[in-house]
């Protein structure tokens, strides 16, 4: 084990942990804005209760996401300085816009939303949560644009004197074909997570507190969240299909690694389950769906999908001697876990809707257990999706331009990386406990009492102090 191995583990652990909060923040920001819009348009107190209830869970998650996200930027300079030096001219623009525009937009208007319940006019207050939601989604786009450059470098040139990648076409970076499909795919996954949380919390209150005066609000929440999950599931499948075809075009090795396909095939089958050697080179048993891999990769059921052996030979000729094959068991199973966990969340959402058909009240303990598992399933799907995306690109840190081993900081020792890795892991473990306890505490508390609402007229009362709404 050397500094490179530990630096990779540290970045992987912190990135996956941070991404546990990101999709929930992205999705919940929009869904809370929708709930408040429904209250604004109808005046129905039920929607106001749900807005404040899920808004509180959104704020808890947003705060944790900000704290864990800060670490990501430090790692670029701490453990990956050679990579930062190589790609800094490219990454600087989208990340600067993300920080100066998107993040400030969301953080500023979230503050106005929190403290503006009894100060801002009703429409202005509604606009603040929408502005925060827009900022959150813009933030995601600029970060994904930067990451997409690592998958499919565009809009740059290599300076022969400095050896650095220099930005030549910023619009090309923002309109990278990988970014244009990764963004809607990520949004769909985010709504899958947020909708699942709404279902889980609402279902718990429907089953455990049947005689509550707020049962109607919780029943609406479970239906609302279930429909969000179903629509998001369809969007995930649609965007994922397009993403697979673009991935096969720009990173054919990643698609081959996702299947453990060593020899070029036309047509190529997709294996649901394979038993064989650990690296997937020898197959003992496989449950396959004919033509599916060809369709996923090319859009043609009889299309050609290039195998690992042929691609390895091609890359060795193009880039020099060395192994250009990612870790096959990781790519193979992370790809399948991503699909399986996402589909499971959609199936539970269908079950929840079926249990409430024609005004029925769900009561099954098994349904409750399945509902409580819902937020975890899409979180796992998102995490395995990112693991596949990043591990499938290996050994490249910037595909075709820089190997991961060449991006690590040369001056950082194994002991230093181990120290920071241990510290971050312990801090993150502590934050995880705090996050879960806070979410469970406020989720169990239920919707707030909104019988005495602050004034919502447009008058400006300078004597009225700012008040934290929660």
Protein backbone atom coordinates (compact mmCIF):
# COMPACT_ATOMS: atom_id res chain seq x y z
CA UNK A 1 0.00 0.00 0.00
CA UNK A 2 1.31 3.44 -0.93
CA UNK A 3 0.10 7.06 -0.81
CA UNK A 4 -1.70 6.64 -4.14
CA UNK A 5 -3.84 3.77 -2.84
CA UNK A 6 -4.83 5.61 0.34
CA UNK A 7 -5.47 8.87 -1.55
CA UNK A 8 -7.82 7.01 -3.88
CA UNK A 9 -9.63 5.40 -0.97
CA UNK A 10 -9.93 8.73 0.80
CA UNK A 11 -11.35 10.49 -2.23
CA UNK A 12 -13.72 7.60 -2.88
CA UNK A 13 -15.02 7.45 0.69
CA UNK A 14 -15.48 11.20 1.06
CA UNK A 15 -17.09 11.54 -2.38
CA UNK A 16 -19.59 8.73 -1.85
CA UNK A 17 -20.40 10.02 1.63
CA UNK A 18 -20.95 13.55 0.33
CA UNK A 19 -23.13 12.23 -2.46
CA UNK A 20 -25.49 10.70 0.10
CA UNK A 21 -26.70 14.25 0.80
CA UNK A 22 -26.55 15.73 -2.70
CA UNK A 23 -29.47 13.93 -4.41
CA UNK A 24 -31.78 14.47 -1.45
CA UNK A 25 -30.95 18.18 -1.42
CA UNK A 26 -31.48 18.54 -5.17
CA UNK A 27 -34.77 16.67 -5.25
CA UNK A 28 -36.24 17.89 -1.99
CA UNK A 29 -35.59 21.55 -2.80
CA UNK A 30 -37.89 21.32 -5.82
CA UNK A 31 -40.53 19.16 -4.11
CA UNK A 32 -40.75 21.52 -1.12
CA UNK A 33 -41.12 24.42 -3.57
CA UNK A 34 -43.94 22.53 -5.30
CA UNK A 35 -45.72 21.91 -1.98
CA UNK A 36 -45.46 25.60 -1.05
CA UNK A 37 -46.77 26.55 -4.50
CA UNK A 38 -49.78 24.30 -3.91
CA UNK A 39 -50.44 26.07 -0.61
CA UNK A 40 -50.00 29.47 -2.26
CA UNK A 41 -52.50 28.63 -5.00
CA UNK A 42 -55.13 26.79 -2.91
CA UNK A 43 -54.73 28.13 0.62
CA UNK A 44 -55.11 24.55 1.87
CA UNK A 45 -53.47 24.29 5.28
CA UNK A 46 -52.44 20.69 4.57
CA UNK A 47 -49.89 21.81 1.99
CA UNK A 48 -48.45 24.42 4.33
CA UNK A 49 -47.92 21.79 7.01
CA UNK A 50 -46.15 19.50 4.56
CA UNK A 51 -44.05 22.40 3.25
CA UNK A 52 -42.72 23.21 6.70
CA UNK A 53 -42.41 19.56 7.68
CA UNK A 54 -40.35 18.40 4.71
CA UNK A 55 -38.67 21.80 4.50
CA UNK A 56 -37.15 21.13 7.91
CA UNK A 57 -35.75 17.79 6.72
CA UNK A 58 -34.42 19.54 3.61
CA UNK A 59 -32.57 22.13 5.70
CA UNK A 60 -30.95 19.48 7.90
CA UNK A 61 -29.73 17.62 4.85
CA UNK A 62 -28.59 20.82 3.09
CA UNK A 63 -26.42 21.82 6.05
CA UNK A 64 -24.73 18.41 6.14
CA UNK A 65 -24.16 18.52 2.39
CA UNK A 66 -22.38 21.86 2.62
CA UNK A 67 -20.12 20.67 5.44
CA UNK A 68 -19.10 17.46 3.68
CA UNK A 69 -18.73 19.14 0.29
CA UNK A 70 -16.08 21.57 1.49
CA UNK A 71 -13.66 18.69 2.04
CA UNK A 72 -13.81 17.74 -1.63
CA UNK A 73 -12.14 20.94 -2.77
CA UNK A 74 -9.34 20.66 -0.23
CA UNK A 75 -8.44 17.20 -1.49
CA UNK A 76 -7.61 18.48 -4.96
CA UNK A 77 -4.77 20.54 -3.59
CA UNK A 78 -3.86 18.22 -0.75
CA UNK A 79 -3.65 14.77 -2.35
CA UNK A 80 -4.06 15.48 -6.07
CA UNK A 81 -1.92 18.54 -6.75
CA UNK A 82 -0.44 17.19 -10.01
CA UNK A 83 -3.95 16.56 -11.29
CA UNK A 84 -5.06 20.03 -10.15
CA UNK A 85 -2.09 21.58 -11.92
CA UNK A 86 -2.88 19.70 -15.13
CA UNK A 87 -6.62 20.37 -15.26
CA UNK A 88 -6.93 23.56 -13.19
CA UNK A 89 -7.43 25.81 -16.20
CA UNK A 90 -10.41 23.69 -17.27
CA UNK A 91 -11.96 23.11 -13.85
CA UNK A 92 -11.50 26.68 -12.71
CA UNK A 93 -14.26 28.18 -14.86
CA UNK A 94 -17.23 25.87 -14.10
CA UNK A 95 -16.33 25.48 -10.43
CA UNK A 96 -15.89 29.25 -10.01
CA UNK A 97 -19.31 29.85 -11.57
CA UNK A 98 -20.77 27.14 -9.35
CA UNK A 99 -19.40 28.82 -6.23
CA UNK A 100 -20.00 32.47 -7.17
CA UNK A 101 -23.39 32.10 -8.86
CA UNK A 102 -25.16 28.83 -8.08
CA UNK A 103 -24.05 28.31 -4.48
CA UNK A 104 -24.54 31.95 -3.50
CA UNK A 105 -27.94 31.89 -5.16
CA UNK A 106 -29.12 28.85 -3.22
CA UNK A 107 -27.55 29.84 0.11
CA UNK A 108 -28.84 33.42 -0.03
CA UNK A 109 -32.40 32.50 -0.89
CA UNK A 110 -32.48 29.62 1.55
CA UNK A 111 -31.67 32.18 4.23
CA UNK A 112 -34.49 34.40 3.02
CA UNK A 113 -36.84 31.43 3.00
CA UNK A 114 -35.92 30.37 6.53
CA UNK A 115 -36.27 33.80 8.11
CA UNK A 116 -38.86 35.26 5.78
CA UNK A 117 -42.03 33.49 6.85
CA UNK A 118 -43.22 36.48 8.88
CA UNK A 119 -41.35 39.20 6.98
CA UNK A 120 -41.58 38.68 3.24
CA UNK A 121 -44.71 39.05 1.13
CA UNK A 122 -46.24 35.69 0.34
CA UNK A 123 -45.19 35.70 -3.31
CA UNK A 124 -41.66 36.87 -2.56
CA UNK A 125 -41.29 34.14 0.03
CA UNK A 126 -42.46 31.53 -2.46
CA UNK A 127 -40.03 32.92 -5.04
CA UNK A 128 -37.16 32.52 -2.55
CA UNK A 129 -37.57 28.74 -2.26
CA UNK A 130 -37.82 28.44 -6.04
CA UNK A 131 -34.65 30.53 -6.43
CA UNK A 132 -32.90 28.28 -3.92
CA UNK A 133 -34.06 25.19 -5.83
CA UNK A 134 -32.85 26.65 -9.13
CA UNK A 135 -29.48 27.48 -7.55
CA UNK A 136 -29.18 23.94 -6.21
CA UNK A 137 -29.79 22.45 -9.63
CA UNK A 138 -27.46 24.91 -11.36
CA UNK A 139 -24.79 23.98 -8.87
CA UNK A 140 -25.21 20.33 -9.83
CA UNK A 141 -24.87 21.14 -13.52
CA UNK A 142 -21.59 23.03 -13.24
CA UNK A 143 -20.05 20.31 -11.07
CA UNK A 144 -21.20 17.62 -13.49
CA UNK A 145 -19.78 19.63 -16.41
CA UNK A 146 -16.40 19.60 -14.68
CA UNK A 147 -16.65 15.88 -13.97
CA UNK A 148 -17.75 15.16 -17.55
CA UNK A 149 -14.48 16.63 -18.79
CA UNK A 150 -12.74 13.79 -16.96
CA UNK A 151 -14.94 11.30 -18.82
CA UNK A 152 -14.80 12.97 -22.24
CA UNK A 153 -12.27 15.82 -22.54
CA UNK A 154 -13.43 18.58 -24.92
CA UNK A 155 -12.73 22.27 -25.52
CA UNK A 156 -9.04 22.23 -24.61
CA UNK A 157 -5.49 21.92 -25.88
CA UNK A 158 -2.33 20.61 -24.27
CA UNK A 159 0.35 23.26 -23.86
CA UNK A 160 3.56 21.58 -25.07
CA UNK A 161 5.74 23.78 -22.85
CA UNK A 162 3.89 23.42 -19.54
CA UNK A 163 2.20 20.08 -20.21
CA UNK A 164 -1.08 21.51 -18.87
CA UNK A 165 -4.54 21.31 -20.35
CA UNK A 166 -5.67 24.80 -21.34
CA UNK A 167 -9.25 25.89 -21.96
CA UNK A 168 -9.96 26.89 -25.56
CA UNK A 169 -13.74 26.52 -25.82
CA UNK A 170 -15.75 27.04 -22.62
CA UNK A 171 -19.17 26.49 -24.31
CA UNK A 172 -17.88 23.11 -25.49
CA UNK A 173 -17.10 22.16 -21.88
CA UNK A 174 -20.59 23.20 -20.75
CA UNK A 175 -22.26 21.38 -23.66
CA UNK A 176 -20.17 18.23 -23.41
CA UNK A 177 -22.42 15.37 -24.59
CA UNK A 178 -21.62 13.49 -21.38
CA UNK A 179 -22.71 16.43 -19.22
CA UNK A 180 -25.90 16.99 -21.20
CA UNK A 181 -27.15 13.48 -20.40
CA UNK A 182 -25.52 13.01 -17.00
CA UNK A 183 -27.33 16.06 -15.62
CA UNK A 184 -30.91 14.87 -16.33
CA UNK A 185 -29.93 11.36 -15.22
CA UNK A 186 -28.63 12.74 -11.93
CA UNK A 187 -31.75 14.89 -11.48
CA UNK A 188 -33.97 11.86 -12.04
CA UNK A 189 -31.98 9.91 -9.45
CA UNK A 190 -32.29 12.83 -7.04
CA UNK A 191 -36.07 12.94 -7.35
CA UNK A 192 -36.08 9.19 -6.81
CA UNK A 193 -34.33 9.73 -3.46
CA UNK A 194 -36.43 12.72 -2.39
CA UNK A 195 -39.72 11.09 -3.37
CA UNK A 196 -38.74 7.95 -1.46
CA UNK A 197 -38.08 9.97 1.70
CA UNK A 198 -41.47 11.67 1.42
CA UNK A 199 -43.15 8.27 1.02
CA UNK A 200 -41.27 6.66 3.92
CA UNK A 201 -42.06 9.40 6.42
CA UNK A 202 -45.66 9.83 5.30
CA UNK A 203 -46.32 6.08 5.33
CA UNK A 204 -44.90 5.72 8.83
CA UNK A 205 -47.33 8.34 10.15
CA UNK A 206 -50.28 6.91 8.19
CA UNK A 207 -49.79 3.43 9.67
CA UNK A 208 -48.60 4.38 13.16
CA UNK A 209 -50.88 7.38 13.76
CA UNK A 210 -54.14 6.44 12.08
CA UNK A 211 -56.31 8.56 14.37
CA UNK A 212 -54.22 11.70 13.93
CA UNK A 213 -55.96 14.84 12.71
CA UNK A 214 -53.18 15.12 10.13
CA UNK A 215 -53.72 11.68 8.58
CA UNK A 216 -55.07 13.32 5.42
CA UNK A 217 -51.85 15.27 5.00
CA UNK A 218 -49.74 12.15 5.43
CA UNK A 219 -51.89 10.18 2.98
CA UNK A 220 -51.41 12.91 0.41
CA UNK A 221 -47.66 12.87 1.07
CA UNK A 222 -47.41 9.13 0.45
CA UNK A 223 -49.32 9.41 -2.83
CA UNK A 224 -47.43 12.51 -3.91
CA UNK A 225 -44.07 10.91 -3.11
CA UNK A 226 -45.03 7.63 -4.78
CA UNK A 227 -45.92 9.36 -8.04
CA UNK A 228 -42.65 11.29 -7.89
CA UNK A 229 -40.78 8.00 -7.48
CA UNK A 230 -42.58 6.38 -10.40
CA UNK A 231 -42.02 9.31 -12.75
CA UNK A 232 -38.40 9.57 -11.62
CA UNK A 233 -37.91 5.82 -12.17
CA UNK A 234 -39.12 6.17 -15.76
CA UNK A 235 -36.84 9.18 -16.26
CA UNK A 236 -33.87 7.27 -14.81
CA UNK A 237 -34.43 4.41 -17.27
CA UNK A 238 -34.84 6.76 -20.23
CA UNK A 239 -31.81 8.94 -19.48
CA UNK A 240 -29.75 5.92 -18.43
CA UNK A 241 -30.42 4.30 -21.79
CA UNK A 242 -29.09 7.38 -23.61
CA UNK A 243 -26.17 7.65 -21.21
CA UNK A 244 -25.20 4.03 -21.91
CA UNK A 245 -25.00 4.69 -25.62
CA UNK A 246 -22.89 7.83 -25.16
CA UNK A 247 -20.67 5.96 -22.71
CA UNK A 248 -20.09 3.22 -25.27
CA UNK A 249 -19.14 5.88 -27.80
CA UNK A 250 -16.65 7.84 -25.69
CA UNK A 251 -15.53 5.14 -23.21
CA UNK A 252 -16.04 1.73 -24.80
CA UNK A 253 -13.87 0.05 -22.16
CA UNK A 254 -16.33 1.12 -19.46
CA UNK A 255 -19.25 -0.60 -21.20
CA UNK A 256 -17.18 -3.74 -21.76
CA UNK A 257 -16.18 -3.71 -18.09
CA UNK A 258 -19.81 -3.28 -17.02
CA UNK A 259 -20.57 -6.64 -18.64
CA UNK A 260 -17.20 -8.29 -18.10
CA UNK A 261 -17.14 -8.76 -21.88
CA UNK A 262 -13.66 -9.89 -22.90
CA UNK A 263 -14.30 -10.74 -26.54
CA UNK A 264 -16.02 -8.53 -29.10
CA UNK A 265 -19.56 -9.72 -29.79
CA UNK A 266 -22.29 -8.91 -32.27
CA UNK A 267 -24.95 -9.26 -31.03
CA UNK A 268 -23.96 -9.06 -27.36
CA UNK A 269 -26.03 -10.40 -24.46
CA UNK A 270 -26.48 -8.77 -21.05
CA UNK A 271 -25.87 -11.07 -18.09
CA UNK A 272 -28.17 -10.63 -15.10
CA UNK A 273 -25.92 -12.92 -13.06
CA UNK A 274 -22.56 -14.49 -13.81
CA UNK A 275 -20.61 -17.05 -11.80
CA UNK A 276 -16.97 -17.56 -12.72
CA UNK A 277 -13.47 -16.36 -11.98
CA UNK A 278 -13.08 -13.20 -9.93
CA UNK A 279 -11.90 -11.12 -12.87
CA UNK A 280 -14.74 -12.40 -15.05
CA UNK A 281 -12.42 -13.90 -17.66
CA UNK A 282 -13.73 -17.46 -17.14
CA UNK A 283 -17.47 -18.08 -17.04
CA UNK A 284 -19.00 -21.07 -15.22
CA UNK A 285 -22.66 -20.05 -15.28
CA UNK A 286 -24.49 -16.98 -16.57
CA UNK A 287 -28.11 -15.90 -16.79
CA UNK A 288 -28.23 -13.76 -19.92
CA UNK A 289 -30.72 -11.64 -21.86
CA UNK A 290 -29.90 -11.93 -25.57
CA UNK A 291 -29.31 -8.76 -27.62
CA UNK A 292 -29.77 -6.46 -24.61
CA UNK A 293 -26.14 -5.32 -24.25
CA UNK A 294 -25.98 -4.51 -27.96
CA UNK A 295 -29.10 -2.39 -27.63
CA UNK A 296 -27.87 -0.66 -24.46
CA UNK A 297 -24.55 0.18 -26.07
CA UNK A 298 -25.46 0.95 -29.66
CA UNK A 299 -29.24 1.21 -29.97
CA UNK A 300 -29.19 -1.74 -32.37
CA UNK A 301 -30.06 -5.23 -31.01
CA UNK A 302 -27.48 -6.65 -33.44
CA UNK A 303 -24.86 -3.94 -32.79
CA UNK A 304 -21.21 -4.70 -32.09
CA UNK A 305 -19.87 -4.22 -28.56
CA UNK A 306 -16.07 -4.30 -28.38
CA UNK A 307 -14.52 -6.58 -25.80
CA UNK A 308 -11.90 -5.89 -23.15
CA UNK A 309 -9.12 -7.80 -24.93
CA UNK A 310 -9.49 -5.89 -28.19
CA UNK A 311 -9.76 -2.54 -26.43
CA UNK A 312 -6.73 -3.30 -24.25
CA UNK A 313 -4.66 -4.03 -27.35
CA UNK A 314 -5.93 -0.86 -29.02
CA UNK A 315 -5.13 1.34 -25.99
CA UNK A 316 -1.69 -0.23 -25.54
CA UNK A 317 -0.89 0.71 -29.12
CA UNK A 318 -2.40 4.19 -28.77
CA UNK A 319 -1.18 5.18 -25.29
CA UNK A 320 1.76 2.88 -24.60
CA UNK A 321 2.33 -0.30 -22.65
CA UNK A 322 0.27 -0.90 -19.52
CA UNK A 323 -3.09 -2.17 -18.32
CA UNK A 324 -6.10 -0.05 -19.30
CA UNK A 325 -8.70 -2.37 -17.78
CA UNK A 326 -10.64 -1.29 -14.67
CA UNK A 327 -11.39 -3.67 -11.80
CA UNK A 328 -13.99 -5.92 -13.42
CA UNK A 329 -15.84 -7.21 -10.31
CA UNK A 330 -16.37 -3.61 -9.14
CA UNK A 331 -17.70 -2.36 -12.47
CA UNK A 332 -19.79 -5.49 -13.11
CA UNK A 333 -21.59 -5.54 -9.76
CA UNK A 334 -21.84 -1.80 -9.18
CA UNK A 335 -23.63 -1.51 -12.53
CA UNK A 336 -26.15 -4.18 -11.52
CA UNK A 337 -26.63 -2.94 -7.97
CA UNK A 338 -27.34 0.53 -9.37
CA UNK A 339 -30.13 -0.86 -11.54
CA UNK A 340 -31.53 -3.29 -8.97
CA UNK A 341 -31.82 -0.84 -6.06
CA UNK A 342 -33.42 1.81 -8.27
CA UNK A 343 -35.99 -0.64 -9.62
CA UNK A 344 -36.77 -1.87 -6.10
CA UNK A 345 -37.70 1.66 -4.99
CA UNK A 346 -40.07 2.00 -7.94
CA UNK A 347 -41.69 -1.36 -7.14
CA UNK A 348 -42.34 -0.34 -3.53
CA UNK A 349 -43.86 2.95 -4.69
CA UNK A 350 -46.32 0.97 -6.83
CA UNK A 351 -47.14 -1.20 -3.82
CA UNK A 352 -47.78 1.89 -1.65
CA UNK A 353 -50.14 3.37 -4.24
CA UNK A 354 -51.97 0.04 -4.57
CA UNK A 355 -52.40 -0.17 -0.80
CA UNK A 356 -54.25 3.19 -0.77
CA UNK A 357 -56.53 2.56 -3.74
CA UNK A 358 -60.17 3.65 -3.32
CA UNK A 359 -59.44 5.38 -0.02
CA UNK A 360 -58.00 2.35 1.74
CA UNK A 361 -55.65 2.89 4.68
CA UNK A 362 -52.46 0.77 4.50
CA UNK A 363 -51.85 -1.30 7.62
CA UNK A 364 -49.38 -4.06 6.74
CA UNK A 365 -46.20 -4.23 8.80
CA UNK A 366 -44.38 -5.61 5.78
CA UNK A 367 -45.47 -2.61 3.76
CA UNK A 368 -44.24 -0.31 6.52
CA UNK A 369 -40.86 -2.04 6.58
CA UNK A 370 -40.60 -1.85 2.81
CA UNK A 371 -41.58 1.82 2.90
CA UNK A 372 -38.98 2.64 5.53
CA UNK A 373 -36.34 1.00 3.33
CA UNK A 374 -37.29 3.18 0.37
CA UNK A 375 -34.94 6.13 1.00
CA UNK A 376 -31.99 3.76 1.41
CA UNK A 377 -32.57 1.96 -1.89
CA UNK A 378 -32.17 4.93 -4.28
CA UNK A 379 -29.31 6.24 -2.14
CA UNK A 380 -27.53 2.94 -2.71
CA UNK A 381 -28.43 3.09 -6.41
CA UNK A 382 -26.94 6.59 -6.69
CA UNK A 383 -23.81 5.58 -4.79
CA UNK A 384 -23.19 2.48 -6.90
CA UNK A 385 -23.83 4.59 -9.99
CA UNK A 386 -21.06 6.98 -9.01
CA UNK A 387 -18.74 4.11 -8.09
CA UNK A 388 -19.31 2.61 -11.52
CA UNK A 389 -18.82 5.96 -13.25
CA UNK A 390 -15.52 6.71 -11.54
CA UNK A 391 -14.09 3.20 -11.25
CA UNK A 392 -15.06 2.34 -14.81
CA UNK A 393 -12.89 5.21 -16.05
CA UNK A 394 -9.76 3.78 -14.42
CA UNK A 395 -6.83 3.80 -14.85
CA UNK A 396 -7.53 7.30 -16.24
CA UNK A 397 -8.16 10.34 -14.08
CA UNK A 398 -8.77 12.30 -17.32
CA UNK A 399 -9.66 9.81 -20.01
CA UNK A 400 -6.97 9.53 -22.65
CA UNK A 401 -4.88 12.35 -21.19
CA UNK A 402 -3.76 11.61 -17.63
CA UNK A 403 -3.45 8.39 -15.66
CA UNK A 404 -4.64 8.37 -12.06
CA UNK A 405 -1.20 7.43 -10.76
CA UNK A 406 0.22 10.57 -12.38
CA UNK A 407 -2.25 12.91 -10.69
CA UNK A 408 -1.37 12.23 -7.05
CA UNK A 409 0.67 14.74 -5.04
CA UNK A 410 4.33 13.82 -5.08
CA UNK A 411 5.19 15.59 -1.83
CA UNK A 412 2.52 13.93 0.33
CA UNK A 413 3.69 10.88 2.27
CA UNK A 414 1.76 7.71 3.11
CA UNK A 415 1.61 8.72 6.79
CA UNK A 416 0.15 12.12 5.95
CA UNK A 417 -2.54 10.68 3.72
CA UNK A 418 -3.38 8.01 6.30
CA UNK A 419 -3.71 10.68 8.96
CA UNK A 420 -6.12 12.80 6.93
CA UNK A 421 -8.05 9.72 5.79
CA UNK A 422 -8.51 8.55 9.37
CA UNK A 423 -9.51 12.02 10.56
CA UNK A 424 -12.05 12.52 7.77
CA UNK A 425 -13.52 9.07 8.30
CA UNK A 426 -14.03 9.67 12.02
CA UNK A 427 -15.52 13.12 11.43
CA UNK A 428 -17.84 11.79 8.75
CA UNK A 429 -18.93 8.92 10.98
CA UNK A 430 -19.83 11.44 13.67
CA UNK A 431 -21.73 13.59 11.19
CA UNK A 432 -23.59 10.50 9.97
CA UNK A 433 -24.86 9.80 13.48
CA UNK A 434 -25.92 13.42 13.92
CA UNK A 435 -27.66 13.50 10.54
CA UNK A 436 -29.63 10.29 11.11
CA UNK A 437 -30.66 11.30 14.64
CA UNK A 438 -31.82 14.73 13.52
CA UNK A 439 -33.78 13.35 10.57
CA UNK A 440 -35.43 10.66 12.71
CA UNK A 441 -36.23 13.10 15.50
CA UNK A 442 -37.96 15.66 13.31
CA UNK A 443 -39.55 13.05 11.04
CA UNK A 444 -41.20 11.40 14.05
CA UNK A 445 -42.36 14.77 15.40
CA UNK A 446 -44.79 15.11 12.50
CA UNK A 447 -46.20 18.14 10.75
CA UNK A 448 -46.20 21.42 12.73
CA UNK A 449 -49.21 23.31 14.02
CA UNK A 450 -49.90 26.16 11.61
CA UNK A 451 -53.20 27.33 13.06
CA UNK A 452 -51.68 30.71 13.96
CA UNK A 453 -50.00 31.96 10.82
CA UNK A 454 -47.88 35.11 10.59
CA UNK A 455 -49.21 37.95 8.45
CA UNK A 456 -48.84 37.33 4.72
CA UNK A 457 -49.81 40.77 3.44
CA UNK A 458 -47.41 43.03 1.60
CA UNK A 459 -46.98 45.59 4.39
CA UNK A 460 -43.49 46.35 5.59
CA UNK A 461 -43.43 46.33 9.36
CA UNK A 462 -39.96 47.51 10.27
CA UNK A 463 -40.55 46.75 13.94
CA UNK A 464 -41.25 43.08 13.31
CA UNK A 465 -38.03 41.10 14.06
CA UNK A 466 -36.58 38.37 11.90
CA UNK A 467 -37.69 34.97 13.13
CA UNK A 468 -36.41 31.48 12.47
CA UNK A 469 -39.42 29.61 11.11
CA UNK A 470 -38.59 26.32 12.77
